[in-house]
Amino acid sequence: MALLGAGAIKLIKSRKDLIASGASMAWAEDFSDGGVKLIGLLEVVAAVGLVLPWAFQVAPALTPLAGVGAALLLLCAWWFTCAGRESKAVGGPLLLACWACSSRSAGSGSSDL
């Protein structure tokens, strides 16, 4: 839900509105309008990919792949957070990346968890 909500906001609002919304979106100054929309789209696709294939048992092998993709996306967010102006907000992306990795493991069907 976090990825879906975050991605939807980036798709709905303009980059200028995101920047004006507060310090937590200051990173958007470093990206173009299209770049912010692409990040939002990737977040939405990752969120959908984590849930729908597994829930409906239609190509459930996509769930672990979406988990890996979400983890990579969130690790990039963590890196930009560390390198940028938002060093106090480092925990969020890292925590979500760990969650995405656990979703990848849970969705893989391994029985040793």
PDB file of N, CA and C in Angstrom:
ATOM      1  N   MET A   1       0.817  -1.198   0.000  1.00  0.00           N
ATOM      2  CA  MET A   1       0.000   0.000   0.000  1.00  0.00           C
ATOM      3  C   MET A   1       0.855   1.254   0.000  1.00  0.00           C
ATOM      4  N   ALA A   2       2.016   1.193   0.665  1.00  0.00           N
ATOM      5  CA  ALA A   2       2.887   2.369   0.702  1.00  0.00           C
ATOM      6  C   ALA A   2       3.377   2.721  -0.700  1.00  0.00           C
ATOM      7  N   LEU A   3       3.781   1.701  -1.455  1.00  0.00           N
ATOM      8  CA  LEU A   3       4.247   1.953  -2.822  1.00  0.00           C
ATOM      9  C   LEU A   3       3.120   2.463  -3.707  1.00  0.00           C
ATOM     10  N   LEU A   4       1.955   1.883  -3.553  1.00  0.00           N
ATOM     11  CA  LEU A   4       0.814   2.294  -4.372  1.00  0.00           C
ATOM     12  C   LEU A   4       0.446   3.741  -4.091  1.00  0.00           C
ATOM     13  N   GLY A   5       0.363   4.094  -2.820  1.00  0.00           N
ATOM     14  CA  GLY A   5       0.014   5.469  -2.453  1.00  0.00           C
ATOM     15  C   GLY A   5       1.068   6.476  -2.885  1.00  0.00           C
ATOM     16  N   ALA A   6       2.323   6.137  -2.646  1.00  0.00           N
ATOM     17  CA  ALA A   6       3.411   7.048  -3.024  1.00  0.00           C
ATOM     18  C   ALA A   6       3.475   7.224  -4.534  1.00  0.00           C
ATOM     19  N   GLY A   7       3.314   6.130  -5.257  1.00  0.00           N
ATOM     20  CA  GLY A   7       3.347   6.211  -6.712  1.00  0.00           C
ATOM     21  C   GLY A   7       2.173   6.991  -7.272  1.00  0.00           C
ATOM     22  N   ALA A   8       0.995   6.767  -6.704  1.00  0.00           N
ATOM     23  CA  ALA A   8      -0.200   7.470  -7.178  1.00  0.00           C
ATOM     24  C   ALA A   8      -0.060   8.976  -6.978  1.00  0.00           C
ATOM     25  N   ILE A   9       0.489   9.383  -5.850  1.00  0.00           N
ATOM     26  CA  ILE A   9       0.675  10.814  -5.594  1.00  0.00           C
ATOM     27  C   ILE A   9       1.611  11.421  -6.633  1.00  0.00           C
ATOM     28  N   LYS A  10       2.675  10.702  -6.957  1.00  0.00           N
ATOM     29  CA  LYS A  10       3.629  11.208  -7.946  1.00  0.00           C
ATOM     30  C   LYS A  10       3.017  11.268  -9.342  1.00  0.00           C
ATOM     31  N   LEU A  11       2.088  10.365  -9.625  1.00  0.00           N
ATOM     32  CA  LEU A  11       1.435  10.387 -10.933  1.00  0.00           C
ATOM     33  C   LEU A  11       0.363  11.474 -11.022  1.00  0.00           C
ATOM     34  N   ILE A  12      -0.304  11.747  -9.903  1.00  0.00           N
ATOM     35  CA  ILE A  12      -1.423  12.694  -9.905  1.00  0.00           C
ATOM     36  C   ILE A  12      -0.956  14.139  -9.794  1.00  0.00           C
ATOM     37  N   LYS A  13      -0.020  14.398  -8.878  1.00  0.00           N
ATOM     38  CA  LYS A  13       0.425  15.771  -8.637  1.00  0.00           C
ATOM     39  C   LYS A  13       1.569  16.145  -9.578  1.00  0.00           C
ATOM     40  N   SER A  14       1.674  17.435  -9.834  1.00  0.00           N
ATOM     41  CA  SER A  14       2.807  17.916 -10.640  1.00  0.00           C
ATOM     42  C   SER A  14       4.059  17.942  -9.769  1.00  0.00           C
ATOM     43  N   ARG A  15       5.200  17.980 -10.411  1.00  0.00           N
ATOM     44  CA  ARG A  15       6.468  18.024  -9.681  1.00  0.00           C
ATOM     45  C   ARG A  15       6.527  19.272  -8.806  1.00  0.00           C
ATOM     46  N   LYS A  16       6.049  20.394  -9.323  1.00  0.00           N
ATOM     47  CA  LYS A  16       6.054  21.640  -8.545  1.00  0.00           C
ATOM     48  C   LYS A  16       5.186  21.511  -7.295  1.00  0.00           C
ATOM     49  N   ASP A  17       4.029  20.856  -7.427  1.00  0.00           N
ATOM     50  CA  ASP A  17       3.157  20.645  -6.264  1.00  0.00           C
ATOM     51  C   ASP A  17       3.810  19.726  -5.241  1.00  0.00           C
ATOM     52  N   LEU A  18       4.517  18.709  -5.715  1.00  0.00           N
ATOM     53  CA  LEU A  18       5.223  17.803  -4.801  1.00  0.00           C
ATOM     54  C   LEU A  18       6.295  18.549  -4.020  1.00  0.00           C
ATOM     55  N   ILE A  19       7.065  19.381  -4.718  1.00  0.00           N
ATOM     56  CA  ILE A  19       8.126  20.146  -4.064  1.00  0.00           C
ATOM     57  C   ILE A  19       7.527  21.103  -3.036  1.00  0.00           C
ATOM     58  N   ALA A  20       6.418  21.736  -3.404  1.00  0.00           N
ATOM     59  CA  ALA A  20       5.774  22.689  -2.496  1.00  0.00           C
ATOM     60  C   ALA A  20       5.123  22.016  -1.291  1.00  0.00           C
ATOM     61  N   SER A  21       4.882  20.708  -1.378  1.00  0.00           N
ATOM     62  CA  SER A  21       4.179  20.019  -0.294  1.00  0.00           C
ATOM     63  C   SER A  21       5.030  19.817   0.955  1.00  0.00           C
ATOM     64  N   GLY A  22       6.338  20.006   0.848  1.00  0.00           N
ATOM     65  CA  GLY A  22       7.159  19.917   2.054  1.00  0.00           C
ATOM     66  C   GLY A  22       8.523  19.332   1.800  1.00  0.00           C
ATOM     67  N   ALA A  23       9.297  19.274   2.866  1.00  0.00           N
ATOM     68  CA  ALA A  23      10.689  18.843   2.785  1.00  0.00           C
ATOM     69  C   ALA A  23      10.827  17.388   2.354  1.00  0.00           C
ATOM     70  N   SER A  24       9.832  16.559   2.617  1.00  0.00           N
ATOM     71  CA  SER A  24       9.953  15.146   2.267  1.00  0.00           C
ATOM     72  C   SER A  24       9.937  14.913   0.760  1.00  0.00           C
ATOM     73  N   MET A  25       9.575  15.916  -0.002  1.00  0.00           N
ATOM     74  CA  MET A  25       9.574  15.798  -1.459  1.00  0.00           C
ATOM     75  C   MET A  25      10.619  16.702  -2.106  1.00  0.00           C
ATOM     76  N   ALA A  26      11.578  17.175  -1.318  1.00  0.00           N
ATOM     77  CA  ALA A  26      12.624  18.052  -1.857  1.00  0.00           C
ATOM     78  C   ALA A  26      13.449  17.351  -2.927  1.00  0.00           C
ATOM     79  N   TRP A  27      13.537  16.036  -2.863  1.00  0.00           N
ATOM     80  CA  TRP A  27      14.288  15.269  -3.856  1.00  0.00           C
ATOM     81  C   TRP A  27      13.779  15.520  -5.272  1.00  0.00           C
ATOM     82  N   ALA A  28      12.503  15.869  -5.411  1.00  0.00           N
ATOM     83  CA  ALA A  28      11.903  16.046  -6.737  1.00  0.00           C
ATOM     84  C   ALA A  28      12.552  17.198  -7.502  1.00  0.00           C
ATOM     85  N   GLU A  29      13.219  18.110  -6.791  1.00  0.00           N
ATOM     86  CA  GLU A  29      13.921  19.200  -7.461  1.00  0.00           C
ATOM     87  C   GLU A  29      15.047  18.675  -8.347  1.00  0.00           C
ATOM     88  N   ASP A  30      15.577  17.508  -8.010  1.00  0.00           N
ATOM     89  CA  ASP A  30      16.705  16.935  -8.745  1.00  0.00           C
ATOM     90  C   ASP A  30      16.287  16.122  -9.967  1.00  0.00           C
ATOM     91  N   PHE A  31      14.985  16.012 -10.215  1.00  0.00           N
ATOM     92  CA  PHE A  31      14.469  15.213 -11.327  1.00  0.00           C
ATOM     93  C   PHE A  31      13.587  16.062 -12.228  1.00  0.00           C
ATOM     94  N   SER A  32      13.455  15.634 -13.469  1.00  0.00           N
ATOM     95  CA  SER A  32      12.539  16.307 -14.400  1.00  0.00           C
ATOM     96  C   SER A  32      11.108  15.879 -14.095  1.00  0.00           C
ATOM     97  N   ASP A  33      10.153  16.545 -14.715  1.00  0.00           N
ATOM     98  CA  ASP A  33       8.748  16.163 -14.556  1.00  0.00           C
ATOM     99  C   ASP A  33       8.544  14.709 -14.972  1.00  0.00           C
ATOM    100  N   GLY A  34       9.112  14.342 -16.113  1.00  0.00           N
ATOM    101  CA  GLY A  34       9.003  12.969 -16.604  1.00  0.00           C
ATOM    102  C   GLY A  34       9.670  11.967 -15.680  1.00  0.00           C
ATOM    103  N   GLY A  35      10.787  12.353 -15.092  1.00  0.00           N
ATOM    104  CA  GLY A  35      11.484  11.467 -14.159  1.00  0.00           C
ATOM    105  C   GLY A  35      10.649  11.158 -12.921  1.00  0.00           C
ATOM    106  N   VAL A  36       9.979  12.185 -12.395  1.00  0.00           N
ATOM    107  CA  VAL A  36       9.117  11.983 -11.222  1.00  0.00           C
ATOM    108  C   VAL A  36       7.931  11.087 -11.599  1.00  0.00           C
ATOM    109  N   LYS A  37       7.344  11.314 -12.763  1.00  0.00           N
ATOM    110  CA  LYS A  37       6.226  10.479 -13.227  1.00  0.00           C
ATOM    111  C   LYS A  37       6.681   9.034 -13.429  1.00  0.00           C
ATOM    112  N   LEU A  38       7.889   8.840 -13.967  1.00  0.00           N
ATOM    113  CA  LEU A  38       8.418   7.490 -14.164  1.00  0.00           C
ATOM    114  C   LEU A  38       8.612   6.783 -12.824  1.00  0.00           C
ATOM    115  N   ILE A  39       9.145   7.484 -11.846  1.00  0.00           N
ATOM    116  CA  ILE A  39       9.306   6.896 -10.511  1.00  0.00           C
ATOM    117  C   ILE A  39       7.946   6.497  -9.950  1.00  0.00           C
ATOM    118  N   GLY A  40       6.956   7.372 -10.099  1.00  0.00           N
ATOM    119  CA  GLY A  40       5.600   7.057  -9.631  1.00  0.00           C
ATOM    120  C   GLY A  40       5.023   5.840 -10.334  1.00  0.00           C
ATOM    121  N   LEU A  41       5.223   5.755 -11.641  1.00  0.00           N
ATOM    122  CA  LEU A  41       4.732   4.607 -12.404  1.00  0.00           C
ATOM    123  C   LEU A  41       5.412   3.321 -11.954  1.00  0.00           C
ATOM    124  N   LEU A  42       6.724   3.363 -11.748  1.00  0.00           N
ATOM    125  CA  LEU A  42       7.444   2.174 -11.273  1.00  0.00           C
ATOM    126  C   LEU A  42       6.948   1.736  -9.901  1.00  0.00           C
ATOM    127  N   GLU A  43       6.638   2.686  -9.032  1.00  0.00           N
ATOM    128  CA  GLU A  43       6.112   2.347  -7.711  1.00  0.00           C
ATOM    129  C   GLU A  43       4.744   1.680  -7.814  1.00  0.00           C
ATOM    130  N   VAL A  44       3.887   2.205  -8.661  1.00  0.00           N
ATOM    131  CA  VAL A  44       2.558   1.612  -8.835  1.00  0.00           C
ATOM    132  C   VAL A  44       2.666   0.213  -9.437  1.00  0.00           C
ATOM    133  N   VAL A  45       3.496   0.055 -10.451  1.00  0.00           N
ATOM    134  CA  VAL A  45       3.679  -1.260 -11.087  1.00  0.00           C
ATOM    135  C   VAL A  45       4.237  -2.259 -10.076  1.00  0.00           C
ATOM    136  N   ALA A  46       5.191  -1.831  -9.259  1.00  0.00           N
ATOM    137  CA  ALA A  46       5.753  -2.723  -8.235  1.00  0.00           C
ATOM    138  C   ALA A  46       4.683  -3.140  -7.229  1.00  0.00           C
ATOM    139  N   ALA A  47       3.867  -2.197  -6.796  1.00  0.00           N
ATOM    140  CA  ALA A  47       2.809  -2.509  -5.822  1.00  0.00           C
ATOM    141  C   ALA A  47       1.810  -3.501  -6.399  1.00  0.00           C
ATOM    142  N   VAL A  48       1.393  -3.268  -7.625  1.00  0.00           N
ATOM    143  CA  VAL A  48       0.444  -4.173  -8.287  1.00  0.00           C
ATOM    144  C   VAL A  48       1.088  -5.540  -8.498  1.00  0.00           C
ATOM    145  N   GLY A  49       2.347  -5.549  -8.902  1.00  0.00           N
ATOM    146  CA  GLY A  49       3.051  -6.809  -9.141  1.00  0.00           C
ATOM    147  C   GLY A  49       3.297  -7.615  -7.884  1.00  0.00           C
ATOM    148  N   LEU A  50       3.371  -6.953  -6.738  1.00  0.00           N
ATOM    149  CA  LEU A  50       3.564  -7.672  -5.477  1.00  0.00           C
ATOM    150  C   LEU A  50       2.300  -8.396  -5.032  1.00  0.00           C
ATOM    151  N   VAL A  51       1.147  -7.885  -5.434  1.00  0.00           N
ATOM    152  CA  VAL A  51      -0.113  -8.408  -4.904  1.00  0.00           C
ATOM    153  C   VAL A  51      -0.900  -9.251  -5.914  1.00  0.00           C
ATOM    154  N   LEU A  52      -1.174  -8.709  -7.078  1.00  0.00           N
ATOM    155  CA  LEU A  52      -2.133  -9.342  -7.984  1.00  0.00           C
ATOM    156  C   LEU A  52      -1.734 -10.723  -8.501  1.00  0.00           C
ATOM    157  N   PRO A  53      -0.514 -10.943  -8.978  1.00  0.00           N
ATOM    158  CA  PRO A  53      -0.199 -12.283  -9.486  1.00  0.00           C
ATOM    159  C   PRO A  53      -0.354 -13.368  -8.425  1.00  0.00           C
ATOM    160  N   TRP A  54       0.085 -13.084  -7.224  1.00  0.00           N
ATOM    161  CA  TRP A  54      -0.029 -14.056  -6.137  1.00  0.00           C
ATOM    162  C   TRP A  54      -1.481 -14.224  -5.699  1.00  0.00           C
ATOM    163  N   ALA A  55      -2.196 -13.121  -5.574  1.00  0.00           N
ATOM    164  CA  ALA A  55      -3.576 -13.168  -5.079  1.00  0.00           C
ATOM    165  C   ALA A  55      -4.483 -13.952  -6.014  1.00  0.00           C
ATOM    166  N   PHE A  56      -4.311 -13.786  -7.311  1.00  0.00           N
ATOM    167  CA  PHE A  56      -5.179 -14.454  -8.271  1.00  0.00           C
ATOM    168  C   PHE A  56      -4.560 -15.714  -8.861  1.00  0.00           C
ATOM    169  N   GLN A  57      -3.361 -16.052  -8.418  1.00  0.00           N
ATOM    170  CA  GLN A  57      -2.645 -17.237  -8.900  1.00  0.00           C
ATOM    171  C   GLN A  57      -2.548 -17.256 -10.426  1.00  0.00           C
ATOM    172  N   VAL A  58      -2.357 -16.080 -10.993  1.00  0.00           N
ATOM    173  CA  VAL A  58      -2.101 -15.933 -12.425  1.00  0.00           C
ATOM    174  C   VAL A  58      -0.654 -15.480 -12.545  1.00  0.00           C
ATOM    175  N   ALA A  59       0.195 -16.343 -13.015  1.00  0.00           N
ATOM    176  CA  ALA A  59       1.632 -16.080 -13.111  1.00  0.00           C
ATOM    177  C   ALA A  59       2.212 -15.648 -11.769  1.00  0.00           C
ATOM    178  N   PRO A  60       2.033 -16.474 -10.718  1.00  0.00           N
ATOM    179  CA  PRO A  60       2.524 -16.076  -9.394  1.00  0.00           C
ATOM    180  C   PRO A  60       4.039 -15.920  -9.335  1.00  0.00           C
ATOM    181  N   ALA A  61       4.756 -16.403 -10.336  1.00  0.00           N
ATOM    182  CA  ALA A  61       6.203 -16.209 -10.369  1.00  0.00           C
ATOM    183  C   ALA A  61       6.568 -14.736 -10.536  1.00  0.00           C
ATOM    184  N   LEU A  62       5.608 -13.911 -10.950  1.00  0.00           N
ATOM    185  CA  LEU A  62       5.875 -12.480 -11.087  1.00  0.00           C
ATOM    186  C   LEU A  62       5.992 -11.779  -9.743  1.00  0.00           C
ATOM    187  N   THR A  63       5.388 -12.355  -8.697  1.00  0.00           N
ATOM    188  CA  THR A  63       5.431 -11.721  -7.378  1.00  0.00           C
ATOM    189  C   THR A  63       6.860 -11.586  -6.867  1.00  0.00           C
ATOM    190  N   PRO A  64       7.686 -12.641  -6.882  1.00  0.00           N
ATOM    191  CA  PRO A  64       9.064 -12.443  -6.421  1.00  0.00           C
ATOM    192  C   PRO A  64       9.857 -11.489  -7.307  1.00  0.00           C
ATOM    193  N   LEU A  65       9.567 -11.487  -8.600  1.00  0.00           N
ATOM    194  CA  LEU A  65      10.249 -10.546  -9.490  1.00  0.00           C
ATOM    195  C   LEU A  65       9.867  -9.111  -9.153  1.00  0.00           C
ATOM    196  N   ALA A  66       8.596  -8.892  -8.843  1.00  0.00           N
ATOM    197  CA  ALA A  66       8.148  -7.561  -8.429  1.00  0.00           C
ATOM    198  C   ALA A  66       8.794  -7.181  -7.104  1.00  0.00           C
ATOM    199  N   GLY A  67       8.987  -8.153  -6.213  1.00  0.00           N
ATOM    200  CA  GLY A  67       9.671  -7.889  -4.947  1.00  0.00           C
ATOM    201  C   GLY A  67      11.103  -7.430  -5.164  1.00  0.00           C
ATOM    202  N   VAL A  68      11.793  -8.078  -6.083  1.00  0.00           N
ATOM    203  CA  VAL A  68      13.171  -7.676  -6.401  1.00  0.00           C
ATOM    204  C   VAL A  68      13.167  -6.276  -7.015  1.00  0.00           C
ATOM    205  N   GLY A  69      12.257  -6.035  -7.936  1.00  0.00           N
ATOM    206  CA  GLY A  69      12.166  -4.709  -8.558  1.00  0.00           C
ATOM    207  C   GLY A  69      11.845  -3.623  -7.549  1.00  0.00           C
ATOM    208  N   ALA A  70      10.909  -3.910  -6.641  1.00  0.00           N
ATOM    209  CA  ALA A  70      10.555  -2.935  -5.605  1.00  0.00           C
ATOM    210  C   ALA A  70      11.737  -2.680  -4.685  1.00  0.00           C
ATOM    211  N   ALA A  71      12.450  -3.736  -4.322  1.00  0.00           N
ATOM    212  CA  ALA A  71      13.616  -3.574  -3.451  1.00  0.00           C
ATOM    213  C   ALA A  71      14.685  -2.711  -4.132  1.00  0.00           C
ATOM    214  N   LEU A  72      14.933  -2.953  -5.408  1.00  0.00           N
ATOM    215  CA  LEU A  72      15.920  -2.142  -6.139  1.00  0.00           C
ATOM    216  C   LEU A  72      15.487  -0.677  -6.224  1.00  0.00           C
ATOM    217  N   LEU A  73      14.212  -0.464  -6.493  1.00  0.00           N
ATOM    218  CA  LEU A  73      13.669   0.893  -6.559  1.00  0.00           C
ATOM    219  C   LEU A  73      13.833   1.602  -5.214  1.00  0.00           C
ATOM    220  N   LEU A  74      13.532   0.896  -4.141  1.00  0.00           N
ATOM    221  CA  LEU A  74      13.623   1.499  -2.813  1.00  0.00           C
ATOM    222  C   LEU A  74      15.066   1.677  -2.357  1.00  0.00           C
ATOM    223  N   LEU A  75      15.956   0.799  -2.779  1.00  0.00           N
ATOM    224  CA  LEU A  75      17.366   1.006  -2.465  1.00  0.00           C
ATOM    225  C   LEU A  75      17.912   2.230  -3.199  1.00  0.00           C
ATOM    226  N   CYS A  76      17.440   2.464  -4.410  1.00  0.00           N
ATOM    227  CA  CYS A  76      17.809   3.695  -5.118  1.00  0.00           C
ATOM    228  C   CYS A  76      17.260   4.917  -4.378  1.00  0.00           C
ATOM    229  N   ALA A  77      16.033   4.811  -3.882  1.00  0.00           N
ATOM    230  CA  ALA A  77      15.451   5.907  -3.100  1.00  0.00           C
ATOM    231  C   ALA A  77      16.279   6.165  -1.843  1.00  0.00           C
ATOM    232  N   TRP A  78      16.713   5.081  -1.207  1.00  0.00           N
ATOM    233  CA  TRP A  78      17.544   5.216  -0.013  1.00  0.00           C
ATOM    234  C   TRP A  78      18.851   5.919  -0.350  1.00  0.00           C
ATOM    235  N   TRP A  79      19.469   5.555  -1.471  1.00  0.00           N
ATOM    236  CA  TRP A  79      20.725   6.161  -1.879  1.00  0.00           C
ATOM    237  C   TRP A  79      20.553   7.659  -2.135  1.00  0.00           C
ATOM    238  N   PHE A  80      19.482   8.021  -2.859  1.00  0.00           N
ATOM    239  CA  PHE A  80      19.230   9.437  -3.126  1.00  0.00           C
ATOM    240  C   PHE A  80      18.919  10.188  -1.840  1.00  0.00           C
ATOM    241  N   THR A  81      18.253   9.530  -0.898  1.00  0.00           N
ATOM    242  CA  THR A  81      17.948  10.151   0.386  1.00  0.00           C
ATOM    243  C   THR A  81      19.240  10.423   1.156  1.00  0.00           C
ATOM    244  N   CYS A  82      20.137   9.459   1.173  1.00  0.00           N
ATOM    245  CA  CYS A  82      21.420   9.632   1.869  1.00  0.00           C
ATOM    246  C   CYS A  82      22.269  10.707   1.214  1.00  0.00           C
ATOM    247  N   ALA A  83      22.279  10.730  -0.105  1.00  0.00           N
ATOM    248  CA  ALA A  83      23.134  11.658  -0.842  1.00  0.00           C
ATOM    249  C   ALA A  83      22.546  13.063  -0.912  1.00  0.00           C
ATOM    250  N   GLY A  84      21.259  13.189  -0.672  1.00  0.00           N
ATOM    251  CA  GLY A  84      20.593  14.473  -0.864  1.00  0.00           C
ATOM    252  C   GLY A  84      20.334  15.236   0.413  1.00  0.00           C
ATOM    253  N   ARG A  85      19.294  16.025   0.354  1.00  0.00           N
ATOM    254  CA  ARG A  85      18.940  16.936   1.436  1.00  0.00           C
ATOM    255  C   ARG A  85      18.134  16.282   2.546  1.00  0.00           C
ATOM    256  N   GLU A  86      17.761  15.031   2.393  1.00  0.00           N
ATOM    257  CA  GLU A  86      16.815  14.413   3.317  1.00  0.00           C
ATOM    258  C   GLU A  86      17.464  13.340   4.185  1.00  0.00           C
ATOM    259  N   SER A  87      18.645  13.594   4.680  1.00  0.00           N
ATOM    260  CA  SER A  87      19.375  12.564   5.420  1.00  0.00           C
ATOM    261  C   SER A  87      18.637  12.098   6.674  1.00  0.00           C
ATOM    262  N   LYS A  88      17.708  12.894   7.190  1.00  0.00           N
ATOM    263  CA  LYS A  88      16.932  12.474   8.367  1.00  0.00           C
ATOM    264  C   LYS A  88      15.860  11.450   8.019  1.00  0.00           C
ATOM    265  N   ALA A  89      15.519  11.322   6.744  1.00  0.00           N
ATOM    266  CA  ALA A  89      14.448  10.422   6.297  1.00  0.00           C
ATOM    267  C   ALA A  89      14.987   9.125   5.724  1.00  0.00           C
ATOM    268  N   VAL A  90      16.173   8.726   6.132  1.00  0.00           N
ATOM    269  CA  VAL A  90      16.844   7.557   5.566  1.00  0.00           C
ATOM    270  C   VAL A  90      16.120   6.250   5.893  1.00  0.00           C
ATOM    271  N   GLY A  91      15.483   6.154   7.028  1.00  0.00           N
ATOM    272  CA  GLY A  91      14.876   4.898   7.474  1.00  0.00           C
ATOM    273  C   GLY A  91      13.732   4.396   6.621  1.00  0.00           C
ATOM    274  N   GLY A  92      12.911   5.285   6.092  1.00  0.00           N
ATOM    275  CA  GLY A  92      11.728   4.878   5.331  1.00  0.00           C
ATOM    276  C   GLY A  92      12.028   4.011   4.127  1.00  0.00           C
ATOM    277  N   PRO A  93      12.827   4.502   3.180  1.00  0.00           N
ATOM    278  CA  PRO A  93      13.128   3.671   2.007  1.00  0.00           C
ATOM    279  C   PRO A  93      13.841   2.369   2.362  1.00  0.00           C
ATOM    280  N   LEU A  94      14.734   2.428   3.348  1.00  0.00           N
ATOM    281  CA  LEU A  94      15.464   1.213   3.730  1.00  0.00           C
ATOM    282  C   LEU A  94      14.527   0.179   4.350  1.00  0.00           C
ATOM    283  N   LEU A  95      13.621   0.623   5.193  1.00  0.00           N
ATOM    284  CA  LEU A  95      12.637  -0.279   5.796  1.00  0.00           C
ATOM    285  C   LEU A  95      11.737  -0.900   4.732  1.00  0.00           C
ATOM    286  N   LEU A  96      11.277  -0.097   3.790  1.00  0.00           N
ATOM    287  CA  LEU A  96      10.424  -0.613   2.719  1.00  0.00           C
ATOM    288  C   LEU A  96      11.190  -1.554   1.793  1.00  0.00           C
ATOM    289  N   ALA A  97      12.476  -1.297   1.572  1.00  0.00           N
ATOM    290  CA  ALA A  97      13.284  -2.207   0.755  1.00  0.00           C
ATOM    291  C   ALA A  97      13.399  -3.567   1.431  1.00  0.00           C
ATOM    292  N   CYS A  98      13.590  -3.561   2.748  1.00  0.00           N
ATOM    293  CA  CYS A  98      13.640  -4.831   3.494  1.00  0.00           C
ATOM    294  C   CYS A  98      12.304  -5.561   3.397  1.00  0.00           C
ATOM    295  N   TRP A  99      11.212  -4.817   3.480  1.00  0.00           N
ATOM    296  CA  TRP A  99       9.884  -5.418   3.349  1.00  0.00           C
ATOM    297  C   TRP A  99       9.699  -6.029   1.966  1.00  0.00           C
ATOM    298  N   ALA A 100      10.156  -5.311   0.939  1.00  0.00           N
ATOM    299  CA  ALA A 100      10.028  -5.837  -0.425  1.00  0.00           C
ATOM    300  C   ALA A 100      10.835  -7.118  -0.586  1.00  0.00           C
ATOM    301  N   CYS A 101      12.006  -7.173   0.040  1.00  0.00           N
ATOM    302  CA  CYS A 101      12.811  -8.406  -0.023  1.00  0.00           C
ATOM    303  C   CYS A 101      12.101  -9.551   0.674  1.00  0.00           C
ATOM    304  N   SER A 102      11.436  -9.263   1.788  1.00  0.00           N
ATOM    305  CA  SER A 102      10.707 -10.328   2.482  1.00  0.00           C
ATOM    306  C   SER A 102       9.495 -10.762   1.667  1.00  0.00           C
ATOM    307  N   SER A 103       8.883  -9.848   0.942  1.00  0.00           N
ATOM    308  CA  SER A 103       7.767 -10.211   0.065  1.00  0.00           C
ATOM    309  C   SER A 103       8.258 -11.107  -1.048  1.00  0.00           C
ATOM    310  N   ARG A 104       9.459 -10.847  -1.529  1.00  0.00           N
ATOM    311  CA  ARG A 104      10.052 -11.683  -2.562  1.00  0.00           C
ATOM    312  C   ARG A 104      10.253 -13.089  -2.033  1.00  0.00           C
ATOM    313  N   SER A 105      10.747 -13.209  -0.800  1.00  0.00           N
ATOM    314  CA  SER A 105      10.957 -14.524  -0.215  1.00  0.00           C
ATOM    315  C   SER A 105       9.642 -15.234   0.043  1.00  0.00           C
ATOM    316  N   ALA A 106       8.668 -14.520   0.576  1.00  0.00           N
ATOM    317  CA  ALA A 106       7.377 -15.123   0.900  1.00  0.00           C
ATOM    318  C   ALA A 106       6.647 -15.556  -0.352  1.00  0.00           C
ATOM    319  N   GLY A 107       6.794 -14.810  -1.429  1.00  0.00           N
ATOM    320  CA  GLY A 107       6.091 -15.149  -2.652  1.00  0.00           C
ATOM    321  C   GLY A 107       6.766 -16.235  -3.472  1.00  0.00           C
ATOM    322  N   SER A 108       7.985 -16.606  -3.090  1.00  0.00           N
ATOM    323  CA  SER A 108       8.717 -17.566  -3.911  1.00  0.00           C
ATOM    324  C   SER A 108       8.269 -18.990  -3.700  1.00  0.00           C
ATOM    325  N   GLY A 109       7.460 -19.213  -2.681  1.00  0.00           N
ATOM    326  CA  GLY A 109       6.937 -20.549  -2.456  1.00  0.00           C
ATOM    327  C   GLY A 109       7.880 -21.454  -1.694  1.00  0.00           C
ATOM    328  N   SER A 110       8.989 -20.932  -1.198  1.00  0.00           N
ATOM    329  CA  SER A 110       9.895 -21.801  -0.447  1.00  0.00           C
ATOM    330  C   SER A 110       9.293 -22.116   0.908  1.00  0.00           C
ATOM    331  N   SER A 111       9.439 -23.358   1.319  1.00  0.00           N
ATOM    332  CA  SER A 111       8.800 -23.796   2.553  1.00  0.00           C
ATOM    333  C   SER A 111       9.726 -23.684   3.758  1.00  0.00           C
ATOM    334  N   ASP A 112      10.932 -23.170   3.581  1.00  0.00           N
ATOM    335  CA  ASP A 112      11.861 -23.097   4.688  1.00  0.00           C
ATOM    336  C   ASP A 112      11.817 -21.775   5.421  1.00  0.00           C
ATOM    337  N   LEU A 113      10.803 -20.956   5.208  1.00  0.00           N
ATOM    338  CA  LEU A 113      10.703 -19.669   5.897  1.00  0.00           C
ATOM    339  C   LEU A 113      10.123 -19.822   7.254  1.00  0.00           C
TER     340      LEU A 113
END
